[in-house]
Structure formats: C-alpha cells, structure tokens
C-alpha cells in the first residue's frame, strides 16, 4: 500500500463514494479537515491499487481511529502500511475490521467498547414521517444544562466511556455540535424530548449518530420522530441517502419504522490504551 498525498484526494473520494455506506466518516473528515491536517479528526490514508485504480484504502485519524474501506484487503499489506503507528480504536464494517484487528495482533487487548451493531440504510425518498408531539430545533437552542447532561449520559451508556473521559468528551461534543449545527433536539414547547444528529455529512448523504432519549421518556417514539424530522429537513436540502448503526433491537425497530433496512454489521472496537502497530 502507498501513502496518499493531498493531490490524490479527488481520486480517493471517488473511491469512497463507490463504497458510500462504509466510507462516510472518511469522506466527512476529508471535507472538514483535509488530508494530513492537524485536527484530531483529520486523517492520513494508505491505498492499494490495481492497474492504477484504487481498490482498497485505510485511514488513520490523529485521534488514533483506524477506518478501513477494504473490500479486497491484503491484511499483511495493511499491517505493513500501519507499522509503527499509534492506534486507539477501530471502526468500520465488521467483515473488514475484525480481520484487520487480528492481523495487527490486537484482538485480545483490553477494551472499553467491543460491539458489532447492525448497520442500516435508507433512500430518503422512502422516508416515513411518524406523527407525534414536538418539532426539532438546533441543539444550541435547547436548554444547555439538560443537553450537556444527555451528552454525558450518552457517552457512558452508548459508548461505555469511563466517567472522567466521558465528561471531557461530552463537553467537546457539545461545542462541536453547536459549531457544526449537526445535531437537533425534539422540543414540545419548552420541554426537550429527544436528541439526534449527523456524525458525518456530505452533500448527497448523511450518517446518523448521537440519538438519545432520557430513560423516563423512552418508549414513546420521540427519538424516531426527531430522526425522521431531521432527515426530512436534510432531504429538502438535496440529501438522498442516510445510514446509521443500531445498538439494540429496540433502536432497530424504531429505525425500521421510518424506512431503514439492514445492510450489514458495523464494529466499534475502542481500546483501553493506545497501542503501536508492530510493537
């Protein structure tokens, strides 16, 4: 595999768009932070080619997140490409992430999260809007203290982040979501009911993340309505496709209820410590 230089960005993005449902994070990060940038989410990339055409790619964010888009992967070549790099987590399609973790010898390390969630996708022309109370507002217009508490709860519940780190990550997320206008809150008058957002966006597609309803309001369809209204708004701006990951059967039923269909499995493998490839 060869290291990608910024002048190869257009061809790399063309490859990622051919594998859109597996490549939303890299596409978003390239659009937001470029290639070889300084932001925690900025990424470096390595690619394999056949006949001058990209066949596989792997990205490594400055935060240590490894993201393979490797339908034809040579795992030994991937290991060689990442030799000496510090990695902290893996995310991507399970059929690629699991063998990559094994190839790097990291399948038995301590983790804070090790899940395979169902991945779902939807052509927004098929979106079904559920009835219910409330309308969505940008996250910055919802009660700040409540939303900060929700984000902290989401970190610890959904991502199993240790409390000290969860507090830092939740504070960072709130600032990022407000600045990027990526998340919304379903409000009934002055009362927040549920939260949802896009953790990756490109002009033609979005990827959903940060869906949360507080425990005392669950089971009433609020998250489903929040998500559907947010997607309907995106559809009005030209977005045609959405994808997401469901951490439970309850969540999956909510997503299926507005039109999503399962397309595979998505792995989140977050290690307790950073590890150096080949060390």
C-alpha atoms as a PDB file:
ATOM      1  CA  UNK A   1       0.000   0.000   0.000  1.00  0.00           C
ATOM      2  CA  UNK A   2       1.143   3.556  -0.677  1.00  0.00           C
ATOM      3  CA  UNK A   3       0.682   6.705   1.378  1.00  0.00           C
ATOM      4  CA  UNK A   4      -1.882   9.157  -0.016  1.00  0.00           C
ATOM      5  CA  UNK A   5      -0.758  12.717  -0.720  1.00  0.00           C
ATOM      6  CA  UNK A   6      -3.214  15.637  -0.773  1.00  0.00           C
ATOM      7  CA  UNK A   7      -3.125  15.827  -4.579  1.00  0.00           C
ATOM      8  CA  UNK A   8      -4.661  12.320  -4.660  1.00  0.00           C
ATOM      9  CA  UNK A   9      -7.700  13.494  -2.679  1.00  0.00           C
ATOM     10  CA  UNK A  10     -10.160  13.620  -5.574  1.00  0.00           C
ATOM     11  CA  UNK A  11      -9.464  10.037  -6.676  1.00  0.00           C
ATOM     12  CA  UNK A  12      -9.609   8.841  -3.079  1.00  0.00           C
ATOM     13  CA  UNK A  13     -13.014  10.474  -2.590  1.00  0.00           C
ATOM     14  CA  UNK A  14     -14.254   8.924  -5.837  1.00  0.00           C
ATOM     15  CA  UNK A  15     -13.279   5.511  -4.454  1.00  0.00           C
ATOM     16  CA  UNK A  16     -15.009   6.213  -1.140  1.00  0.00           C
ATOM     17  CA  UNK A  17     -18.210   7.259  -2.920  1.00  0.00           C
ATOM     18  CA  UNK A  18     -18.266   3.856  -4.611  1.00  0.00           C
ATOM     19  CA  UNK A  19     -18.459   2.391  -1.068  1.00  0.00           C
ATOM     20  CA  UNK A  20     -20.548   5.167   0.428  1.00  0.00           C
ATOM     21  CA  UNK A  21     -22.175   3.326   3.333  1.00  0.00           C
ATOM     22  CA  UNK A  22     -18.756   2.199   4.615  1.00  0.00           C
ATOM     23  CA  UNK A  23     -16.926   5.462   3.973  1.00  0.00           C
ATOM     24  CA  UNK A  24     -18.998   8.274   5.452  1.00  0.00           C
ATOM     25  CA  UNK A  25     -16.533   9.025   8.256  1.00  0.00           C
ATOM     26  CA  UNK A  26     -13.510   9.381   5.928  1.00  0.00           C
ATOM     27  CA  UNK A  27     -15.483  11.439   3.399  1.00  0.00           C
ATOM     28  CA  UNK A  28     -16.748  13.750   6.133  1.00  0.00           C
ATOM     29  CA  UNK A  29     -13.308  14.149   7.674  1.00  0.00           C
ATOM     30  CA  UNK A  30     -11.667  14.918   4.341  1.00  0.00           C
ATOM     31  CA  UNK A  31     -14.328  17.546   3.615  1.00  0.00           C
ATOM     32  CA  UNK A  32     -13.979  19.098   7.073  1.00  0.00           C
ATOM     33  CA  UNK A  33     -10.242  18.811   7.757  1.00  0.00           C
ATOM     34  CA  UNK A  34      -8.481  17.819   4.546  1.00  0.00           C
ATOM     35  CA  UNK A  35      -5.785  15.153   4.240  1.00  0.00           C
ATOM     36  CA  UNK A  36      -2.844  15.253   6.677  1.00  0.00           C
ATOM     37  CA  UNK A  37      -4.450  18.073   8.697  1.00  0.00           C
ATOM     38  CA  UNK A  38      -3.854  18.890  12.365  1.00  0.00           C
ATOM     39  CA  UNK A  39      -7.345  18.422  13.823  1.00  0.00           C
ATOM     40  CA  UNK A  40      -7.951  15.309  15.932  1.00  0.00           C
ATOM     41  CA  UNK A  41     -10.339  14.043  13.246  1.00  0.00           C
ATOM     42  CA  UNK A  42      -8.010  14.825  10.323  1.00  0.00           C
ATOM     43  CA  UNK A  43      -6.699  11.690   8.667  1.00  0.00           C
ATOM     44  CA  UNK A  44      -3.812  10.110   6.834  1.00  0.00           C
ATOM     45  CA  UNK A  45      -4.543   7.438   4.253  1.00  0.00           C
ATOM     46  CA  UNK A  46      -2.907   4.494   2.530  1.00  0.00           C
ATOM     47  CA  UNK A  47      -4.280   2.856  -0.620  1.00  0.00           C
ATOM     48  CA  UNK A  48      -3.781  -0.253  -2.723  1.00  0.00           C
ATOM     49  CA  UNK A  49      -4.083  -0.006  -6.494  1.00  0.00           C
ATOM     50  CA  UNK A  50      -4.572  -2.375  -9.420  1.00  0.00           C
ATOM     51  CA  UNK A  51      -3.982  -1.030 -12.916  1.00  0.00           C
ATOM     52  CA  UNK A  52      -3.741   2.477 -11.488  1.00  0.00           C
ATOM     53  CA  UNK A  53      -7.196   2.220  -9.869  1.00  0.00           C
ATOM     54  CA  UNK A  54      -7.705   2.339  -6.102  1.00  0.00           C
ATOM     55  CA  UNK A  55      -9.023  -0.978  -4.800  1.00  0.00           C
ATOM     56  CA  UNK A  56      -8.673  -0.534  -1.021  1.00  0.00           C
ATOM     57  CA  UNK A  57      -7.996   2.250   1.452  1.00  0.00           C
ATOM     58  CA  UNK A  58      -7.338   2.599   5.149  1.00  0.00           C
ATOM     59  CA  UNK A  59      -7.454   5.841   7.106  1.00  0.00           C
ATOM     60  CA  UNK A  60      -5.880   6.767  10.434  1.00  0.00           C
ATOM     61  CA  UNK A  61      -7.135   9.819  12.298  1.00  0.00           C
ATOM     62  CA  UNK A  62      -4.865  11.878  14.522  1.00  0.00           C
ATOM     63  CA  UNK A  63      -7.028  10.628  17.394  1.00  0.00           C
ATOM     64  CA  UNK A  64      -5.860   7.073  16.665  1.00  0.00           C
ATOM     65  CA  UNK A  65      -9.052   5.874  14.947  1.00  0.00           C
ATOM     66  CA  UNK A  66      -8.456   3.317  12.174  1.00  0.00           C
ATOM     67  CA  UNK A  67     -11.075   3.164   9.410  1.00  0.00           C
ATOM     68  CA  UNK A  68     -10.702   0.517   6.696  1.00  0.00           C
ATOM     69  CA  UNK A  69     -12.589   0.584   3.408  1.00  0.00           C
ATOM     70  CA  UNK A  70     -11.016  -2.565   2.044  1.00  0.00           C
ATOM     71  CA  UNK A  71     -13.308  -4.834   0.029  1.00  0.00           C
ATOM     72  CA  UNK A  72     -10.274  -6.669  -1.441  1.00  0.00           C
ATOM     73  CA  UNK A  73      -7.973  -6.375   1.544  1.00  0.00           C
ATOM     74  CA  UNK A  74      -4.488  -7.799   1.817  1.00  0.00           C
ATOM     75  CA  UNK A  75      -4.214  -7.747   5.619  1.00  0.00           C
ATOM     76  CA  UNK A  76      -0.448  -8.270   5.588  1.00  0.00           C
ATOM     77  CA  UNK A  77      -0.080  -5.199   3.376  1.00  0.00           C
ATOM     78  CA  UNK A  78      -2.302  -3.231   5.728  1.00  0.00           C
ATOM     79  CA  UNK A  79      -0.174  -4.245   8.689  1.00  0.00           C
ATOM     80  CA  UNK A  80       2.958  -3.139   6.840  1.00  0.00           C
ATOM     81  CA  UNK A  81       1.357   0.211   5.959  1.00  0.00           C
ATOM     82  CA  UNK A  82       0.424   0.901   9.586  1.00  0.00           C
ATOM     83  CA  UNK A  83       3.700  -0.361  11.059  1.00  0.00           C
ATOM     84  CA  UNK A  84       4.848   1.919  13.869  1.00  0.00           C
ATOM     85  CA  UNK A  85       1.606   3.916  14.008  1.00  0.00           C
ATOM     86  CA  UNK A  86      -0.246   4.528  17.287  1.00  0.00           C
ATOM     87  CA  UNK A  87      -3.850   3.342  17.207  1.00  0.00           C
ATOM     88  CA  UNK A  88      -6.625   3.595  19.798  1.00  0.00           C
ATOM     89  CA  UNK A  89      -9.806   2.357  18.118  1.00  0.00           C
ATOM     90  CA  UNK A  90     -11.207   0.707  15.011  1.00  0.00           C
ATOM     91  CA  UNK A  91     -14.496   1.404  13.295  1.00  0.00           C
ATOM     92  CA  UNK A  92     -15.959   0.099  10.075  1.00  0.00           C
ATOM     93  CA  UNK A  93     -17.757  -2.869   8.539  1.00  0.00           C
ATOM     94  CA  UNK A  94     -17.351  -5.924  10.755  1.00  0.00           C
ATOM     95  CA  UNK A  95     -16.170  -8.152   7.894  1.00  0.00           C
ATOM     96  CA  UNK A  96     -13.183  -5.810   7.454  1.00  0.00           C
ATOM     97  CA  UNK A  97     -12.492  -4.532  10.964  1.00  0.00           C
ATOM     98  CA  UNK A  98     -12.397  -7.937  12.661  1.00  0.00           C
ATOM     99  CA  UNK A  99      -9.729  -9.461  10.381  1.00  0.00           C
ATOM    100  CA  UNK A 100      -7.731  -6.217  10.473  1.00  0.00           C
ATOM    101  CA  UNK A 101      -7.675  -6.249  14.285  1.00  0.00           C
ATOM    102  CA  UNK A 102      -6.475  -9.863  14.158  1.00  0.00           C
ATOM    103  CA  UNK A 103      -3.812  -9.060  11.555  1.00  0.00           C
ATOM    104  CA  UNK A 104      -2.450  -6.343  13.834  1.00  0.00           C
ATOM    105  CA  UNK A 105      -2.426  -8.713  16.807  1.00  0.00           C
ATOM    106  CA  UNK A 106      -4.825  -6.570  18.827  1.00  0.00           C
ATOM    107  CA  UNK A 107      -7.813  -8.880  19.201  1.00  0.00           C
ATOM    108  CA  UNK A 108      -7.094  -9.662  22.876  1.00  0.00           C
ATOM    109  CA  UNK A 109      -6.235  -6.210  24.242  1.00  0.00           C
ATOM    110  CA  UNK A 110      -8.316  -4.514  26.947  1.00  0.00           C
ATOM    111  CA  UNK A 111     -11.211  -2.531  25.503  1.00  0.00           C
ATOM    112  CA  UNK A 112     -13.788  -0.042  26.731  1.00  0.00           C
ATOM    113  CA  UNK A 113     -16.173  -0.969  23.902  1.00  0.00           C
ATOM    114  CA  UNK A 114     -16.237  -4.034  21.655  1.00  0.00           C
ATOM    115  CA  UNK A 115     -19.511  -4.203  19.732  1.00  0.00           C
ATOM    116  CA  UNK A 116     -20.887  -5.303  16.393  1.00  0.00           C
ATOM    117  CA  UNK A 117     -24.019  -3.250  15.724  1.00  0.00           C
ATOM    118  CA  UNK A 118     -26.469  -3.656  12.896  1.00  0.00           C
ATOM    119  CA  UNK A 119     -25.920  -1.143  10.091  1.00  0.00           C
ATOM    120  CA  UNK A 120     -28.999   0.257   8.368  1.00  0.00           C
ATOM    121  CA  UNK A 121     -29.514   2.478   5.328  1.00  0.00           C
ATOM    122  CA  UNK A 122     -32.376   4.405   3.756  1.00  0.00           C
ATOM    123  CA  UNK A 123     -33.035   6.121   0.465  1.00  0.00           C
ATOM    124  CA  UNK A 124     -34.714   9.284   1.716  1.00  0.00           C
ATOM    125  CA  UNK A 125     -37.355   9.062  -0.991  1.00  0.00           C
ATOM    126  CA  UNK A 126     -38.685   6.162   1.130  1.00  0.00           C
ATOM    127  CA  UNK A 127     -38.644   8.037   4.461  1.00  0.00           C
ATOM    128  CA  UNK A 128     -41.811   7.652   6.541  1.00  0.00           C
ATOM    129  CA  UNK A 129     -42.701  10.557   8.847  1.00  0.00           C
ATOM    130  CA  UNK A 130     -44.373   9.457  12.096  1.00  0.00           C
ATOM    131  CA  UNK A 131     -46.980  11.511  13.887  1.00  0.00           C
ATOM    132  CA  UNK A 132     -46.277  12.770  17.388  1.00  0.00           C
ATOM    133  CA  UNK A 133     -45.579  15.818  19.513  1.00  0.00           C
ATOM    134  CA  UNK A 134     -42.835  18.353  19.088  1.00  0.00           C
ATOM    135  CA  UNK A 135     -40.666  19.963  16.468  1.00  0.00           C
ATOM    136  CA  UNK A 136     -36.887  19.954  16.092  1.00  0.00           C
ATOM    137  CA  UNK A 137     -34.629  22.905  16.917  1.00  0.00           C
ATOM    138  CA  UNK A 138     -30.848  23.253  16.599  1.00  0.00           C
ATOM    139  CA  UNK A 139     -29.080  21.869  19.649  1.00  0.00           C
ATOM    140  CA  UNK A 140     -27.842  25.348  20.615  1.00  0.00           C
ATOM    141  CA  UNK A 141     -31.461  26.471  21.054  1.00  0.00           C
ATOM    142  CA  UNK A 142     -32.329  23.701  23.541  1.00  0.00           C
ATOM    143  CA  UNK A 143     -31.727  24.064  27.306  1.00  0.00           C
ATOM    144  CA  UNK A 144     -27.952  23.833  27.612  1.00  0.00           C
ATOM    145  CA  UNK A 145     -27.734  22.180  31.024  1.00  0.00           C
ATOM    146  CA  UNK A 146     -30.160  19.425  30.017  1.00  0.00           C
ATOM    147  CA  UNK A 147     -28.370  18.689  26.774  1.00  0.00           C
ATOM    148  CA  UNK A 148     -24.965  18.585  28.445  1.00  0.00           C
ATOM    149  CA  UNK A 149     -26.362  16.010  30.884  1.00  0.00           C
ATOM    150  CA  UNK A 150     -27.764  13.998  27.963  1.00  0.00           C
ATOM    151  CA  UNK A 151     -24.418  14.011  26.177  1.00  0.00           C
ATOM    152  CA  UNK A 152     -22.656  12.793  29.300  1.00  0.00           C
ATOM    153  CA  UNK A 153     -25.221  10.024  29.736  1.00  0.00           C
ATOM    154  CA  UNK A 154     -24.860   9.062  26.068  1.00  0.00           C
ATOM    155  CA  UNK A 155     -21.072   8.784  26.405  1.00  0.00           C
ATOM    156  CA  UNK A 156     -21.325   6.462  29.395  1.00  0.00           C
ATOM    157  CA  UNK A 157     -24.340   4.440  28.238  1.00  0.00           C
ATOM    158  CA  UNK A 158     -23.891   4.064  24.493  1.00  0.00           C
ATOM    159  CA  UNK A 159     -20.102   4.299  24.201  1.00  0.00           C
ATOM    160  CA  UNK A 160     -19.216   2.932  27.657  1.00  0.00           C
ATOM    161  CA  UNK A 161     -16.707   5.743  28.121  1.00  0.00           C
ATOM    162  CA  UNK A 162     -15.097   5.877  31.592  1.00  0.00           C
ATOM    163  CA  UNK A 163     -16.600   8.750  33.663  1.00  0.00           C
ATOM    164  CA  UNK A 164     -13.616  11.128  33.628  1.00  0.00           C
ATOM    165  CA  UNK A 165     -13.109  10.765  29.899  1.00  0.00           C
ATOM    166  CA  UNK A 166     -16.867  10.879  29.308  1.00  0.00           C
ATOM    167  CA  UNK A 167     -17.088  14.308  30.926  1.00  0.00           C
ATOM    168  CA  UNK A 168     -14.340  15.654  28.657  1.00  0.00           C
ATOM    169  CA  UNK A 169     -15.784  14.041  25.540  1.00  0.00           C
ATOM    170  CA  UNK A 170     -19.314  15.275  26.295  1.00  0.00           C
ATOM    171  CA  UNK A 171     -18.098  18.856  26.737  1.00  0.00           C
ATOM    172  CA  UNK A 172     -16.144  18.631  23.482  1.00  0.00           C
ATOM    173  CA  UNK A 173     -19.162  17.168  21.677  1.00  0.00           C
ATOM    174  CA  UNK A 174     -21.487  19.921  22.832  1.00  0.00           C
ATOM    175  CA  UNK A 175     -19.167  22.617  21.483  1.00  0.00           C
ATOM    176  CA  UNK A 176     -18.632  20.736  18.213  1.00  0.00           C
ATOM    177  CA  UNK A 177     -22.329  20.056  17.663  1.00  0.00           C
ATOM    178  CA  UNK A 178     -23.240  23.692  18.259  1.00  0.00           C
ATOM    179  CA  UNK A 179     -20.462  24.974  16.000  1.00  0.00           C
ATOM    180  CA  UNK A 180     -21.224  22.488  13.199  1.00  0.00           C
ATOM    181  CA  UNK A 181     -25.025  22.682  13.548  1.00  0.00           C
ATOM    182  CA  UNK A 182     -25.025  18.913  13.231  1.00  0.00           C
ATOM    183  CA  UNK A 183     -27.494  17.934  15.960  1.00  0.00           C
ATOM    184  CA  UNK A 184     -31.084  18.810  16.799  1.00  0.00           C
ATOM    185  CA  UNK A 185     -33.441  18.376  19.746  1.00  0.00           C
ATOM    186  CA  UNK A 186     -37.128  17.483  19.585  1.00  0.00           C
ATOM    187  CA  UNK A 187     -38.935  20.084  21.711  1.00  0.00           C
ATOM    188  CA  UNK A 188     -42.529  20.148  22.939  1.00  0.00           C
ATOM    189  CA  UNK A 189     -42.866  23.760  23.983  1.00  0.00           C
ATOM    190  CA  UNK A 190     -40.034  24.316  26.467  1.00  0.00           C
ATOM    191  CA  UNK A 191     -39.523  20.605  27.136  1.00  0.00           C
ATOM    192  CA  UNK A 192     -36.765  18.644  25.349  1.00  0.00           C
ATOM    193  CA  UNK A 193     -37.867  15.121  24.406  1.00  0.00           C
ATOM    194  CA  UNK A 194     -35.060  13.540  22.360  1.00  0.00           C
ATOM    195  CA  UNK A 195     -31.853  14.339  20.514  1.00  0.00           C
ATOM    196  CA  UNK A 196     -30.412  13.199  17.215  1.00  0.00           C
ATOM    197  CA  UNK A 197     -27.696  14.326  14.835  1.00  0.00           C
ATOM    198  CA  UNK A 198     -25.401  13.674  11.912  1.00  0.00           C
ATOM    199  CA  UNK A 199     -21.905  12.457  12.750  1.00  0.00           C
ATOM    200  CA  UNK A 200     -20.917  12.578   9.081  1.00  0.00           C
ATOM    201  CA  UNK A 201     -22.273  14.687   6.224  1.00  0.00           C
ATOM    202  CA  UNK A 202     -21.551  15.101   2.541  1.00  0.00           C
ATOM    203  CA  UNK A 203     -23.845  16.795   0.005  1.00  0.00           C
ATOM    204  CA  UNK A 204     -25.617  13.596  -1.050  1.00  0.00           C
ATOM    205  CA  UNK A 205     -25.668  11.584   2.187  1.00  0.00           C
ATOM    206  CA  UNK A 206     -25.705  11.726   5.978  1.00  0.00           C
ATOM    207  CA  UNK A 207     -24.798   9.316   8.736  1.00  0.00           C
ATOM    208  CA  UNK A 208     -26.774   9.444  11.966  1.00  0.00           C
ATOM    209  CA  UNK A 209     -25.226   9.469  15.425  1.00  0.00           C
ATOM    210  CA  UNK A 210     -25.917  10.689  18.933  1.00  0.00           C
ATOM    211  CA  UNK A 211     -29.545   9.526  19.062  1.00  0.00           C
ATOM    212  CA  UNK A 212     -30.683   9.811  22.683  1.00  0.00           C
ATOM    213  CA  UNK A 213     -33.855   9.868  24.745  1.00  0.00           C
ATOM    214  CA  UNK A 214     -33.644  10.142  28.552  1.00  0.00           C
ATOM    215  CA  UNK A 215     -34.809   6.965  30.335  1.00  0.00           C
ATOM    216  CA  UNK A 216     -38.046   8.447  31.688  1.00  0.00           C
ATOM    217  CA  UNK A 217     -39.187   9.420  28.172  1.00  0.00           C
ATOM    218  CA  UNK A 218     -38.308   6.233  26.301  1.00  0.00           C
ATOM    219  CA  UNK A 219     -40.812   4.024  24.525  1.00  0.00           C
ATOM    220  CA  UNK A 220     -42.933   6.911  23.239  1.00  0.00           C
ATOM    221  CA  UNK A 221     -41.477   7.306  19.741  1.00  0.00           C
ATOM    222  CA  UNK A 222     -39.699  10.600  20.427  1.00  0.00           C
ATOM    223  CA  UNK A 223     -36.303   9.606  19.019  1.00  0.00           C
ATOM    224  CA  UNK A 224     -37.983   8.145  15.941  1.00  0.00           C
ATOM    225  CA  UNK A 225     -39.835  11.401  15.325  1.00  0.00           C
ATOM    226  CA  UNK A 226     -36.747  13.533  15.955  1.00  0.00           C
ATOM    227  CA  UNK A 227     -34.721  11.496  13.484  1.00  0.00           C
ATOM    228  CA  UNK A 228     -37.426  11.489  10.818  1.00  0.00           C
ATOM    229  CA  UNK A 229     -37.891  15.256  11.043  1.00  0.00           C
ATOM    230  CA  UNK A 230     -34.130  15.803  10.841  1.00  0.00           C
ATOM    231  CA  UNK A 231     -33.860  13.548   7.789  1.00  0.00           C
ATOM    232  CA  UNK A 232     -36.831  15.262   6.172  1.00  0.00           C
ATOM    233  CA  UNK A 233     -35.047  18.583   6.601  1.00  0.00           C
ATOM    234  CA  UNK A 234     -31.885  17.130   5.050  1.00  0.00           C
ATOM    235  CA  UNK A 235     -33.919  15.711   2.162  1.00  0.00           C
ATOM    236  CA  UNK A 236     -35.165  19.214   1.469  1.00  0.00           C
ATOM    237  CA  UNK A 237     -31.532  20.305   1.067  1.00  0.00           C
ATOM    238  CA  UNK A 238     -30.711  17.648  -1.512  1.00  0.00           C
ATOM    239  CA  UNK A 239     -29.550  14.734   0.648  1.00  0.00           C
ATOM    240  CA  UNK A 240     -30.721  11.432  -0.836  1.00  0.00           C
ATOM    241  CA  UNK A 241     -29.329   8.685   1.434  1.00  0.00           C
ATOM    242  CA  UNK A 242     -28.794   8.042   5.144  1.00  0.00           C
ATOM    243  CA  UNK A 243     -27.097   5.331   7.191  1.00  0.00           C
ATOM    244  CA  UNK A 244     -26.840   4.528  10.891  1.00  0.00           C
ATOM    245  CA  UNK A 245     -25.944   1.870  13.444  1.00  0.00           C
ATOM    246  CA  UNK A 246     -28.391   0.317  15.909  1.00  0.00           C
ATOM    247  CA  UNK A 247     -27.049  -0.714  19.308  1.00  0.00           C
ATOM    248  CA  UNK A 248     -30.205  -2.611  20.338  1.00  0.00           C
ATOM    249  CA  UNK A 249     -33.267  -4.327  18.948  1.00  0.00           C
ATOM    250  CA  UNK A 250     -35.436  -1.547  20.389  1.00  0.00           C
ATOM    251  CA  UNK A 251     -33.445   1.060  18.462  1.00  0.00           C
ATOM    252  CA  UNK A 252     -33.512  -1.076  15.324  1.00  0.00           C
ATOM    253  CA  UNK A 253     -37.301  -1.317  15.424  1.00  0.00           C
ATOM    254  CA  UNK A 254     -37.552   2.464  15.683  1.00  0.00           C
ATOM    255  CA  UNK A 255     -35.330   2.921  12.631  1.00  0.00           C
ATOM    256  CA  UNK A 256     -37.117   0.241  10.619  1.00  0.00           C
ATOM    257  CA  UNK A 257     -40.353   2.028  11.469  1.00  0.00           C
ATOM    258  CA  UNK A 258     -39.315   5.048   9.411  1.00  0.00           C
ATOM    259  CA  UNK A 259     -37.974   3.027   6.490  1.00  0.00           C
ATOM    260  CA  UNK A 260     -34.420   1.881   7.262  1.00  0.00           C
ATOM    261  CA  UNK A 261     -33.273  -1.565   6.098  1.00  0.00           C
ATOM    262  CA  UNK A 262     -30.371  -3.602   7.455  1.00  0.00           C
ATOM    263  CA  UNK A 263     -27.326  -3.773   5.183  1.00  0.00           C
ATOM    264  CA  UNK A 264     -24.723  -5.412   7.439  1.00  0.00           C
ATOM    265  CA  UNK A 265     -22.814  -5.095  10.701  1.00  0.00           C
ATOM    266  CA  UNK A 266     -20.613  -2.285  11.972  1.00  0.00           C
ATOM    267  CA  UNK A 267     -17.813  -2.766  14.512  1.00  0.00           C
ATOM    268  CA  UNK A 268     -16.824  -0.309  17.225  1.00  0.00           C
ATOM    269  CA  UNK A 269     -13.619  -1.509  18.918  1.00  0.00           C
ATOM    270  CA  UNK A 270     -12.290   1.031  21.389  1.00  0.00           C
ATOM    271  CA  UNK A 271      -9.127   0.018  23.217  1.00  0.00           C
ATOM    272  CA  UNK A 272      -8.459   0.993  26.811  1.00  0.00           C
ATOM    273  CA  UNK A 273      -4.960   2.175  25.860  1.00  0.00           C
ATOM    274  CA  UNK A 274      -3.166   3.272  22.710  1.00  0.00           C
ATOM    275  CA  UNK A 275      -1.099   0.558  21.012  1.00  0.00           C
ATOM    276  CA  UNK A 276       1.702   0.813  18.475  1.00  0.00           C
ATOM    277  CA  UNK A 277       1.364  -1.428  15.424  1.00  0.00           C
ATOM    278  CA  UNK A 278       4.150  -3.989  15.361  1.00  0.00           C
ATOM    279  CA  UNK A 279       5.470  -3.123  18.816  1.00  0.00           C
END
